[in-house]
C-alpha atoms as a PDB file:
ATOM      1  CA  MET A   1      14.725 263.569 144.032  1.00  0.00           C
ATOM      2  CA  GLU A   2      14.030 263.291 147.631  1.00  0.00           C
ATOM      3  CA  LYS A   3      11.284 260.949 148.827  1.00  0.00           C
ATOM      4  CA  MET A   4       7.879 262.619 148.140  1.00  0.00           C
ATOM      5  CA  ASN A   5       6.490 261.609 151.516  1.00  0.00           C
ATOM      6  CA  LYS A   6       9.433 263.403 153.310  1.00  0.00           C
ATOM      7  CA  LEU A   7       8.799 266.729 151.427  1.00  0.00           C
ATOM      8  CA  SER A   8       6.815 269.470 153.287  1.00  0.00           C
ATOM      9  CA  PHE A   9       5.829 272.934 152.195  1.00  0.00           C
ATOM     10  CA  ASP A  10       4.339 275.853 153.951  1.00  0.00           C
ATOM     11  CA  THR A  11       2.591 277.274 150.974  1.00  0.00           C
ATOM     12  CA  LEU A  12       1.096 276.043 147.542  1.00  0.00           C
ATOM     13  CA  SER A  13       3.403 278.492 145.705  1.00  0.00           C
ATOM     14  CA  GLU A  14       6.456 277.208 147.572  1.00  0.00           C
ATOM     15  CA  ALA A  15       5.653 273.723 146.458  1.00  0.00           C
ATOM     16  CA  GLN A  16       4.684 274.675 142.789  1.00  0.00           C
ATOM     17  CA  ASN A  17       8.296 276.626 142.705  1.00  0.00           C
ATOM     18  CA  TYR A  18       9.961 273.503 144.071  1.00  0.00           C
ATOM     19  CA  PHE A  19       8.387 270.899 141.366  1.00  0.00           C
ATOM     20  CA  LEU A  20       8.961 273.390 138.562  1.00  0.00           C
ATOM     21  CA  LYS A  21      12.664 273.548 139.489  1.00  0.00           C
ATOM     22  CA  LYS A  22      12.670 269.489 139.287  1.00  0.00           C
ATOM     23  CA  GLY A  23      11.008 269.538 135.855  1.00  0.00           C
ATOM     24  CA  TYR A  24       7.246 269.395 136.616  1.00  0.00           C
ATOM     25  CA  THR A  25       6.735 272.198 134.155  1.00  0.00           C
ATOM     26  CA  THR A  26       3.442 271.482 132.611  1.00  0.00           C
ATOM     27  CA  GLN A  27       0.102 272.603 134.075  1.00  0.00           C
ATOM     28  CA  PHE A  28      -2.679 269.893 133.943  1.00  0.00           C
ATOM     29  CA  ASP A  29      -6.303 270.865 134.160  1.00  0.00           C
ATOM     30  CA  THR A  30      -9.634 269.207 133.644  1.00  0.00           C
ATOM     31  CA  LYS A  31     -12.189 270.506 131.075  1.00  0.00           C
ATOM     32  CA  ASP A  32     -15.084 268.751 129.158  1.00  0.00           C
ATOM     33  CA  GLY A  33     -14.287 265.436 130.255  1.00  0.00           C
ATOM     34  CA  GLU A  34     -10.678 265.591 129.174  1.00  0.00           C
ATOM     35  CA  ILE A  35      -7.390 266.251 131.156  1.00  0.00           C
ATOM     36  CA  ILE A  36      -5.466 269.253 129.277  1.00  0.00           C
ATOM     37  CA  ALA A  37      -1.780 269.838 129.490  1.00  0.00           C
ATOM     38  CA  TYR A  38      -1.298 273.504 128.633  1.00  0.00           C
ATOM     39  CA  GLY A  39       1.494 274.390 126.443  1.00  0.00           C
ATOM     40  CA  LYS A  40       1.855 270.906 125.071  1.00  0.00           C
ATOM     41  CA  ASP A  41      -1.121 270.921 122.971  1.00  0.00           C
ATOM     42  CA  LYS A  42      -2.254 267.747 124.005  1.00  0.00           C
ATOM     43  CA  ASN A  43      -5.376 265.996 125.890  1.00  0.00           C
ATOM     44  CA  TYR A  44      -4.948 263.111 128.089  1.00  0.00           C
ATOM     45  CA  GLN A  45      -7.237 260.183 129.404  1.00  0.00           C
ATOM     46  CA  PRO A  46      -6.672 259.561 132.973  1.00  0.00           C
ATOM     47  CA  LYS A  47      -5.319 256.010 132.393  1.00  0.00           C
ATOM     48  CA  GLU A  48      -2.412 257.838 130.533  1.00  0.00           C
ATOM     49  CA  LEU A  49      -1.308 259.604 133.832  1.00  0.00           C
ATOM     50  CA  LEU A  50      -0.054 258.814 137.340  1.00  0.00           C
ATOM     51  CA  ILE A  51      -0.244 260.963 140.241  1.00  0.00           C
ATOM     52  CA  ILE A  52       3.080 260.530 141.893  1.00  0.00           C
ATOM     53  CA  ALA A  53       2.203 262.535 144.985  1.00  0.00           C
ATOM     54  CA  ASP A  54      -0.279 265.061 146.367  1.00  0.00           C
ATOM     55  CA  PHE A  55       0.078 267.827 148.873  1.00  0.00           C
ATOM     56  CA  ARG A  56      -2.645 269.640 150.913  1.00  0.00           C
ATOM     57  CA  PHE A  57      -2.706 272.999 152.092  1.00  0.00           C
ATOM     58  CA  GLU A  58      -5.227 274.881 154.348  1.00  0.00           C
ATOM     59  CA  GLY A  59      -6.688 278.006 153.786  1.00  0.00           C
ATOM     60  CA  MET A  60      -6.204 280.899 156.153  1.00  0.00           C
ATOM     61  CA  THR A  61      -9.528 282.281 156.581  1.00  0.00           C
ATOM     62  CA  SER A  62     -11.761 279.575 155.470  1.00  0.00           C
ATOM     63  CA  PRO A  63     -11.960 275.835 154.919  1.00  0.00           C
ATOM     64  CA  GLU A  64     -13.083 276.387 151.338  1.00  0.00           C
ATOM     65  CA  ASP A  65      -9.756 277.905 150.753  1.00  0.00           C
ATOM     66  CA  ASN A  66      -8.017 274.450 151.268  1.00  0.00           C
ATOM     67  CA  MET A  67      -6.163 273.347 148.013  1.00  0.00           C
ATOM     68  CA  ILE A  68      -4.397 270.215 146.957  1.00  0.00           C
ATOM     69  CA  LEU A  69      -1.385 270.133 144.685  1.00  0.00           C
ATOM     70  CA  TYR A  70      -1.119 266.933 142.548  1.00  0.00           C
ATOM     71  CA  ILE A  71       2.332 266.012 141.185  1.00  0.00           C
ATOM     72  CA  ILE A  72       1.572 264.152 137.583  1.00  0.00           C
ATOM     73  CA  GLU A  73       3.527 262.148 135.213  1.00  0.00           C
ATOM     74  CA  ALA A  74       2.159 261.151 131.896  1.00  0.00           C
ATOM     75  CA  ASN A  75       3.014 257.866 130.192  1.00  0.00           C
ATOM     76  CA  ASP A  76       4.819 260.060 127.295  1.00  0.00           C
ATOM     77  CA  GLY A  77       7.040 261.815 129.772  1.00  0.00           C
ATOM     78  CA  VAL A  78       5.375 264.967 130.373  1.00  0.00           C
ATOM     79  CA  LYS A  79       5.610 265.969 134.032  1.00  0.00           C
ATOM     80  CA  GLY A  80       3.563 268.641 135.588  1.00  0.00           C
ATOM     81  CA  THR A  81       1.081 269.782 138.356  1.00  0.00           C
ATOM     82  CA  MET A  82      -2.558 270.405 139.079  1.00  0.00           C
ATOM     83  CA  VAL A  83      -4.244 272.287 141.553  1.00  0.00           C
ATOM     84  CA  ASP A  84      -7.576 271.437 142.871  1.00  0.00           C
ATOM     85  CA  SER A  85      -9.771 273.239 145.550  1.00  0.00           C
ATOM     86  CA  VAL A  86     -11.326 271.244 148.404  1.00  0.00           C
ATOM     87  CA  GLY A  87     -14.739 272.309 149.344  1.00  0.00           C
ATOM     88  CA  ALA A  88     -18.319 273.016 148.160  1.00  0.00           C
ATOM     89  CA  GLU A  89     -17.009 273.408 144.468  1.00  0.00           C
ATOM     90  CA  ALA A  90     -13.870 271.506 143.224  1.00  0.00           C
ATOM     91  CA  ALA A  91     -11.912 273.475 140.545  1.00  0.00           C
ATOM     92  CA  GLN A  92     -11.188 269.918 138.835  1.00  0.00           C
ATOM     93  CA  ASP A  93     -13.802 267.264 137.537  1.00  0.00           C
ATOM     94  CA  PRO A  94     -13.983 265.063 140.572  1.00  0.00           C
ATOM     95  CA  GLU A  95     -15.117 261.939 138.518  1.00  0.00           C
ATOM     96  CA  LEU A  96     -12.115 262.412 136.086  1.00  0.00           C
ATOM     97  CA  MET A  97      -9.854 262.836 139.090  1.00  0.00           C
ATOM     98  CA  ARG A  98     -10.886 259.789 140.741  1.00  0.00           C
ATOM     99  CA  GLU A  99      -9.767 257.861 137.419  1.00  0.00           C
ATOM    100  CA  ILE A 100      -6.362 258.866 137.541  1.00  0.00           C
ATOM    101  CA  PRO A 101      -4.289 256.147 138.983  1.00  0.00           C
ATOM    102  CA  MET A 102      -2.175 257.280 142.218  1.00  0.00           C
ATOM    103  CA  LYS A 103       1.385 255.773 142.771  1.00  0.00           C
ATOM    104  CA  GLU A 104       1.502 253.814 145.857  1.00  0.00           C
ATOM    105  CA  LYS A 105       3.162 255.375 148.912  1.00  0.00           C
END
């Protein structure tokens, strides 16, 4: 795979489609203090995951439309993505997100 820091995307959906084709097929989400892997019937703790990269997208009309796409790999081989909004109300649990280690760039 190309180096993550060399990748660039115009839209969130373009990035999601790219990573889907690269095998990042699971959608991660935070709920009730856990990280859920949809379709895998499994929940993770932050230490079981690694954020491989993140990509920021600016909204067309409002700064509250800004989004971050996280590329995530679990210690059991599950690979996927997580979308978070930037602004007044984040879509994901910010405390839980801070606990997920990030790969050094």
